Amino acid sequence: MDFLGTVFVTGTYGVGKSTLCGQLSKELGILAFSAGDLISAANGEQYGVNKVVADKISNQNILVVEVNKQLQLHPQILLAGHFCIFNHENRVDCLPEDVYEKLHITQIIL
């Protein structure tokens, strides 16, 4: 693949985003990350225990920092993630559009 930045692989929970990223990573030699794993590692929590997000802006700011750290080490990455999350009321909440620009997304795979 001839690009710099982030290829964003998105879909609903459990659809196989991380599996696809893992396969693409092996075939293309590009590192793959899960947005949830990056955020959880930075927060010192175990990803997947709770899908509810208390503060989506804070979480997305953490994700931007972590992705940018990876982009400093690797010119291109695969990122599995979502366009929306479950908020503290367990309702679907869309993420702010500016976060995708900050993640240096060059391509989106749905």
N, C-alpha and C. Protein backbone atom coordinates (compact mmCIF):
# COMPACT_ATOMS: atom_id res chain seq x y z
N MET A 1 0.86 -1.18 0.00
CA MET A 1 0.00 0.00 0.00
C MET A 1 0.89 1.23 0.00
N ASP A 2 0.56 2.15 -0.83
CA ASP A 2 1.37 3.34 -0.98
C ASP A 2 0.65 4.53 -0.35
N PHE A 3 0.83 4.75 0.94
CA PHE A 3 0.20 5.86 1.66
C PHE A 3 0.99 6.15 2.92
N LEU A 4 0.77 7.29 3.49
CA LEU A 4 1.29 7.63 4.80
C LEU A 4 0.10 7.93 5.69
N GLY A 5 0.12 7.48 6.90
CA GLY A 5 -0.97 7.76 7.82
C GLY A 5 -1.70 6.50 8.24
N THR A 6 -3.00 6.65 8.48
CA THR A 6 -3.82 5.62 9.09
C THR A 6 -4.89 5.10 8.14
N VAL A 7 -4.98 3.79 8.03
CA VAL A 7 -6.11 3.16 7.36
C VAL A 7 -7.06 2.77 8.49
N PHE A 8 -8.27 3.29 8.45
CA PHE A 8 -9.26 3.08 9.52
C PHE A 8 -10.22 1.99 9.09
N VAL A 9 -10.26 0.90 9.85
CA VAL A 9 -11.16 -0.22 9.59
C VAL A 9 -12.27 -0.13 10.63
N THR A 10 -13.49 0.05 10.16
CA THR A 10 -14.59 0.29 11.09
C THR A 10 -15.74 -0.67 10.86
N GLY A 11 -16.53 -0.85 11.88
CA GLY A 11 -17.70 -1.72 11.85
C GLY A 11 -18.24 -1.87 13.25
N THR A 12 -19.33 -2.61 13.37
CA THR A 12 -19.95 -2.79 14.68
C THR A 12 -19.12 -3.73 15.54
N TYR A 13 -19.46 -3.78 16.82
CA TYR A 13 -18.77 -4.67 17.76
C TYR A 13 -18.87 -6.11 17.30
N GLY A 14 -17.73 -6.82 17.30
CA GLY A 14 -17.70 -8.24 17.00
C GLY A 14 -17.78 -8.62 15.54
N VAL A 15 -17.68 -7.65 14.63
CA VAL A 15 -17.83 -7.95 13.20
C VAL A 15 -16.54 -8.52 12.58
N GLY A 16 -15.42 -8.37 13.26
CA GLY A 16 -14.16 -8.92 12.75
C GLY A 16 -13.14 -7.88 12.31
N LYS A 17 -13.25 -6.67 12.82
CA LYS A 17 -12.31 -5.61 12.45
C LYS A 17 -10.87 -5.98 12.80
N SER A 18 -10.67 -6.43 14.02
CA SER A 18 -9.32 -6.78 14.46
C SER A 18 -8.78 -7.98 13.70
N THR A 19 -9.64 -8.94 13.40
CA THR A 19 -9.23 -10.10 12.61
C THR A 19 -8.77 -9.66 11.22
N LEU A 20 -9.57 -8.80 10.58
CA LEU A 20 -9.20 -8.28 9.26
C LEU A 20 -7.89 -7.50 9.34
N CYS A 21 -7.75 -6.65 10.35
CA CYS A 21 -6.51 -5.88 10.49
C CYS A 21 -5.31 -6.80 10.69
N GLY A 22 -5.50 -7.87 11.46
CA GLY A 22 -4.42 -8.83 11.67
C GLY A 22 -3.98 -9.49 10.38
N GLN A 23 -4.95 -9.87 9.56
CA GLN A 23 -4.64 -10.49 8.27
C GLN A 23 -3.96 -9.50 7.33
N LEU A 24 -4.49 -8.28 7.26
CA LEU A 24 -3.88 -7.25 6.41
C LEU A 24 -2.48 -6.91 6.89
N SER A 25 -2.29 -6.89 8.20
CA SER A 25 -0.99 -6.59 8.77
C SER A 25 0.05 -7.60 8.30
N LYS A 26 -0.31 -8.88 8.33
CA LYS A 26 0.61 -9.94 7.89
C LYS A 26 0.90 -9.82 6.40
N GLU A 27 -0.14 -9.59 5.62
CA GLU A 27 0.02 -9.54 4.16
C GLU A 27 0.78 -8.30 3.69
N LEU A 28 0.53 -7.16 4.36
CA LEU A 28 1.10 -5.90 3.90
C LEU A 28 2.32 -5.44 4.69
N GLY A 29 2.57 -6.09 5.82
CA GLY A 29 3.71 -5.68 6.65
C GLY A 29 3.50 -4.34 7.33
N ILE A 30 2.24 -4.04 7.64
CA ILE A 30 1.89 -2.78 8.31
C ILE A 30 1.34 -3.12 9.69
N LEU A 31 1.78 -2.43 10.72
CA LEU A 31 1.28 -2.71 12.07
C LEU A 31 -0.19 -2.37 12.20
N ALA A 32 -0.89 -3.18 13.00
CA ALA A 32 -2.33 -2.99 13.23
C ALA A 32 -2.59 -2.76 14.71
N PHE A 33 -3.54 -1.88 14.98
CA PHE A 33 -3.91 -1.54 16.35
C PHE A 33 -5.42 -1.48 16.47
N SER A 34 -5.90 -1.73 17.67
CA SER A 34 -7.31 -1.52 18.01
C SER A 34 -7.41 -0.22 18.78
N ALA A 35 -8.36 0.63 18.39
CA ALA A 35 -8.56 1.90 19.10
C ALA A 35 -8.82 1.64 20.58
N GLY A 36 -9.68 0.67 20.86
CA GLY A 36 -10.01 0.36 22.26
C GLY A 36 -8.80 -0.10 23.05
N ASP A 37 -7.95 -0.92 22.42
CA ASP A 37 -6.74 -1.39 23.11
C ASP A 37 -5.79 -0.23 23.41
N LEU A 38 -5.62 0.67 22.46
CA LEU A 38 -4.73 1.82 22.67
C LEU A 38 -5.25 2.71 23.80
N ILE A 39 -6.54 2.98 23.82
CA ILE A 39 -7.14 3.81 24.86
C ILE A 39 -7.03 3.12 26.22
N SER A 40 -7.38 1.84 26.26
CA SER A 40 -7.34 1.10 27.52
C SER A 40 -5.92 1.02 28.09
N ALA A 41 -4.94 0.78 27.23
CA ALA A 41 -3.56 0.71 27.69
C ALA A 41 -3.11 2.04 28.29
N ALA A 42 -3.49 3.13 27.64
CA ALA A 42 -3.13 4.46 28.15
C ALA A 42 -3.83 4.77 29.47
N ASN A 43 -5.06 4.25 29.63
CA ASN A 43 -5.83 4.45 30.86
C ASN A 43 -5.49 3.45 31.95
N GLY A 44 -4.72 2.42 31.61
CA GLY A 44 -4.40 1.38 32.58
C GLY A 44 -5.58 0.49 32.92
N GLU A 45 -6.46 0.27 31.93
CA GLU A 45 -7.63 -0.57 32.16
C GLU A 45 -7.65 -1.74 31.19
N GLN A 46 -8.47 -2.73 31.48
CA GLN A 46 -8.60 -3.90 30.61
C GLN A 46 -9.70 -3.62 29.60
N TYR A 47 -9.34 -3.64 28.32
CA TYR A 47 -10.32 -3.37 27.27
C TYR A 47 -11.35 -4.49 27.20
N GLY A 48 -12.59 -4.11 26.95
CA GLY A 48 -13.65 -5.08 26.74
C GLY A 48 -14.47 -5.37 27.99
N VAL A 49 -13.97 -4.98 29.15
CA VAL A 49 -14.72 -5.22 30.38
C VAL A 49 -16.01 -4.41 30.36
N ASN A 50 -15.93 -3.19 29.86
CA ASN A 50 -17.09 -2.33 29.81
C ASN A 50 -17.05 -1.53 28.51
N LYS A 51 -18.06 -1.68 27.67
CA LYS A 51 -18.10 -0.97 26.38
C LYS A 51 -18.63 0.46 26.53
N VAL A 52 -19.10 0.81 27.72
CA VAL A 52 -19.66 2.15 27.96
C VAL A 52 -18.51 3.14 28.13
N VAL A 53 -18.63 4.30 27.49
CA VAL A 53 -17.61 5.34 27.57
C VAL A 53 -18.18 6.53 28.34
N ALA A 54 -17.54 6.88 29.44
CA ALA A 54 -18.02 7.98 30.28
C ALA A 54 -17.72 9.34 29.65
N ASP A 55 -16.57 9.49 29.03
CA ASP A 55 -16.16 10.78 28.47
C ASP A 55 -15.55 10.56 27.09
N LYS A 56 -16.39 10.65 26.06
CA LYS A 56 -15.93 10.34 24.70
C LYS A 56 -14.85 11.30 24.21
N ILE A 57 -14.91 12.56 24.60
CA ILE A 57 -13.91 13.54 24.16
C ILE A 57 -12.55 13.19 24.75
N SER A 58 -12.51 12.89 26.03
CA SER A 58 -11.26 12.51 26.68
C SER A 58 -10.70 11.24 26.05
N ASN A 59 -11.56 10.25 25.83
CA ASN A 59 -11.12 9.01 25.20
C ASN A 59 -10.54 9.25 23.82
N GLN A 60 -11.19 10.07 23.02
CA GLN A 60 -10.71 10.33 21.66
C GLN A 60 -9.42 11.13 21.68
N ASN A 61 -9.26 12.03 22.65
CA ASN A 61 -8.00 12.75 22.79
C ASN A 61 -6.86 11.79 23.11
N ILE A 62 -7.14 10.82 23.98
CA ILE A 62 -6.13 9.79 24.29
C ILE A 62 -5.79 9.00 23.02
N LEU A 63 -6.81 8.62 22.27
CA LEU A 63 -6.58 7.87 21.04
C LEU A 63 -5.71 8.65 20.07
N VAL A 64 -5.99 9.92 19.90
CA VAL A 64 -5.19 10.77 18.99
C VAL A 64 -3.73 10.78 19.42
N VAL A 65 -3.48 10.94 20.71
CA VAL A 65 -2.10 10.95 21.22
C VAL A 65 -1.42 9.62 20.94
N GLU A 66 -2.12 8.51 21.23
CA GLU A 66 -1.53 7.18 21.06
C GLU A 66 -1.29 6.86 19.58
N VAL A 67 -2.22 7.21 18.71
CA VAL A 67 -2.03 6.98 17.27
C VAL A 67 -0.86 7.82 16.76
N ASN A 68 -0.78 9.06 17.19
CA ASN A 68 0.32 9.91 16.74
C ASN A 68 1.67 9.40 17.23
N LYS A 69 1.71 8.78 18.42
CA LYS A 69 2.95 8.14 18.89
C LYS A 69 3.35 7.03 17.92
N GLN A 70 2.38 6.22 17.52
CA GLN A 70 2.67 5.12 16.60
C GLN A 70 3.11 5.64 15.23
N LEU A 71 2.47 6.72 14.77
CA LEU A 71 2.83 7.28 13.46
C LEU A 71 4.22 7.90 13.46
N GLN A 72 4.71 8.29 14.63
CA GLN A 72 6.09 8.78 14.71
C GLN A 72 7.09 7.64 14.52
N LEU A 73 6.67 6.44 14.89
CA LEU A 73 7.53 5.27 14.76
C LEU A 73 7.34 4.53 13.44
N HIS A 74 6.12 4.59 12.92
CA HIS A 74 5.74 3.85 11.71
C HIS A 74 4.96 4.79 10.79
N PRO A 75 5.35 4.94 9.54
CA PRO A 75 4.69 5.90 8.65
C PRO A 75 3.26 5.53 8.28
N GLN A 76 2.91 4.27 8.45
CA GLN A 76 1.56 3.83 8.10
C GLN A 76 1.11 2.77 9.10
N ILE A 77 -0.17 2.86 9.52
CA ILE A 77 -0.73 1.87 10.44
C ILE A 77 -2.16 1.53 10.02
N LEU A 78 -2.62 0.40 10.52
CA LEU A 78 -4.02 0.01 10.41
C LEU A 78 -4.65 0.23 11.78
N LEU A 79 -5.86 0.79 11.81
CA LEU A 79 -6.54 1.06 13.08
C LEU A 79 -7.97 0.55 13.02
N ALA A 80 -8.30 -0.38 13.90
CA ALA A 80 -9.67 -0.89 14.01
C ALA A 80 -10.40 -0.04 15.04
N GLY A 81 -11.59 0.46 14.68
CA GLY A 81 -12.33 1.31 15.61
C GLY A 81 -13.76 1.54 15.18
N HIS A 82 -14.38 2.54 15.78
CA HIS A 82 -15.80 2.82 15.58
C HIS A 82 -16.05 4.29 15.25
N PHE A 83 -17.19 4.55 14.61
CA PHE A 83 -17.65 5.92 14.38
C PHE A 83 -18.54 6.39 15.53
N CYS A 84 -18.94 5.46 16.40
CA CYS A 84 -19.79 5.82 17.54
C CYS A 84 -19.48 4.88 18.70
N ILE A 85 -19.93 5.27 19.90
CA ILE A 85 -19.71 4.49 21.12
C ILE A 85 -21.01 4.42 21.90
N PHE A 86 -21.00 3.65 22.98
CA PHE A 86 -22.10 3.66 23.93
C PHE A 86 -21.74 4.63 25.04
N ASN A 87 -22.63 5.61 25.30
CA ASN A 87 -22.36 6.58 26.36
C ASN A 87 -22.76 6.03 27.73
N HIS A 88 -22.63 6.86 28.77
CA HIS A 88 -22.93 6.43 30.14
C HIS A 88 -24.39 6.05 30.34
N GLU A 89 -25.27 6.47 29.42
CA GLU A 89 -26.69 6.08 29.47
C GLU A 89 -26.94 4.84 28.61
N ASN A 90 -25.85 4.24 28.11
CA ASN A 90 -25.90 3.07 27.24
C ASN A 90 -26.63 3.34 25.93
N ARG A 91 -26.50 4.58 25.45
CA ARG A 91 -27.07 4.97 24.16
C ARG A 91 -25.95 5.20 23.17
N VAL A 92 -26.27 4.97 21.91
CA VAL A 92 -25.28 5.19 20.85
C VAL A 92 -25.00 6.68 20.73
N ASP A 93 -23.72 7.02 20.70
CA ASP A 93 -23.29 8.41 20.64
C ASP A 93 -22.20 8.53 19.58
N CYS A 94 -22.45 9.34 18.55
CA CYS A 94 -21.47 9.52 17.47
C CYS A 94 -20.24 10.26 17.98
N LEU A 95 -19.09 9.86 17.48
CA LEU A 95 -17.86 10.54 17.85
C LEU A 95 -17.70 11.81 17.02
N PRO A 96 -17.02 12.81 17.56
CA PRO A 96 -16.83 14.05 16.82
C PRO A 96 -16.02 13.82 15.54
N GLU A 97 -16.46 14.43 14.46
CA GLU A 97 -15.83 14.20 13.16
C GLU A 97 -14.37 14.67 13.11
N ASP A 98 -14.02 15.68 13.88
CA ASP A 98 -12.66 16.20 13.80
C ASP A 98 -11.61 15.19 14.30
N VAL A 99 -12.04 14.19 15.05
CA VAL A 99 -11.09 13.20 15.55
C VAL A 99 -10.46 12.42 14.39
N TYR A 100 -11.21 12.19 13.33
CA TYR A 100 -10.67 11.41 12.20
C TYR A 100 -9.58 12.17 11.46
N GLU A 101 -9.72 13.45 11.40
CA GLU A 101 -8.67 14.29 10.80
C GLU A 101 -7.41 14.24 11.67
N LYS A 102 -7.60 14.31 12.98
CA LYS A 102 -6.47 14.27 13.91
C LYS A 102 -5.76 12.92 13.92
N LEU A 103 -6.48 11.86 13.50
CA LEU A 103 -5.90 10.53 13.44
C LEU A 103 -5.13 10.28 12.13
N HIS A 104 -5.12 11.27 11.26
CA HIS A 104 -4.41 11.19 9.98
C HIS A 104 -4.92 10.02 9.14
N ILE A 105 -6.24 9.88 9.08
CA ILE A 105 -6.85 8.80 8.32
C ILE A 105 -6.77 9.13 6.84
N THR A 106 -6.18 8.21 6.10
CA THR A 106 -6.05 8.39 4.66
C THR A 106 -7.02 7.52 3.89
N GLN A 107 -7.47 6.41 4.50
CA GLN A 107 -8.41 5.51 3.87
C GLN A 107 -9.32 4.92 4.95
N ILE A 108 -10.55 4.62 4.57
CA ILE A 108 -11.49 3.99 5.48
C ILE A 108 -11.98 2.70 4.83
N ILE A 109 -11.96 1.62 5.60
CA ILE A 109 -12.50 0.33 5.16
C ILE A 109 -13.70 0.03 6.03
N LEU A 110 -14.88 -0.10 5.41
CA LEU A 110 -16.10 -0.41 6.15
C LEU A 110 -16.37 -1.89 6.11
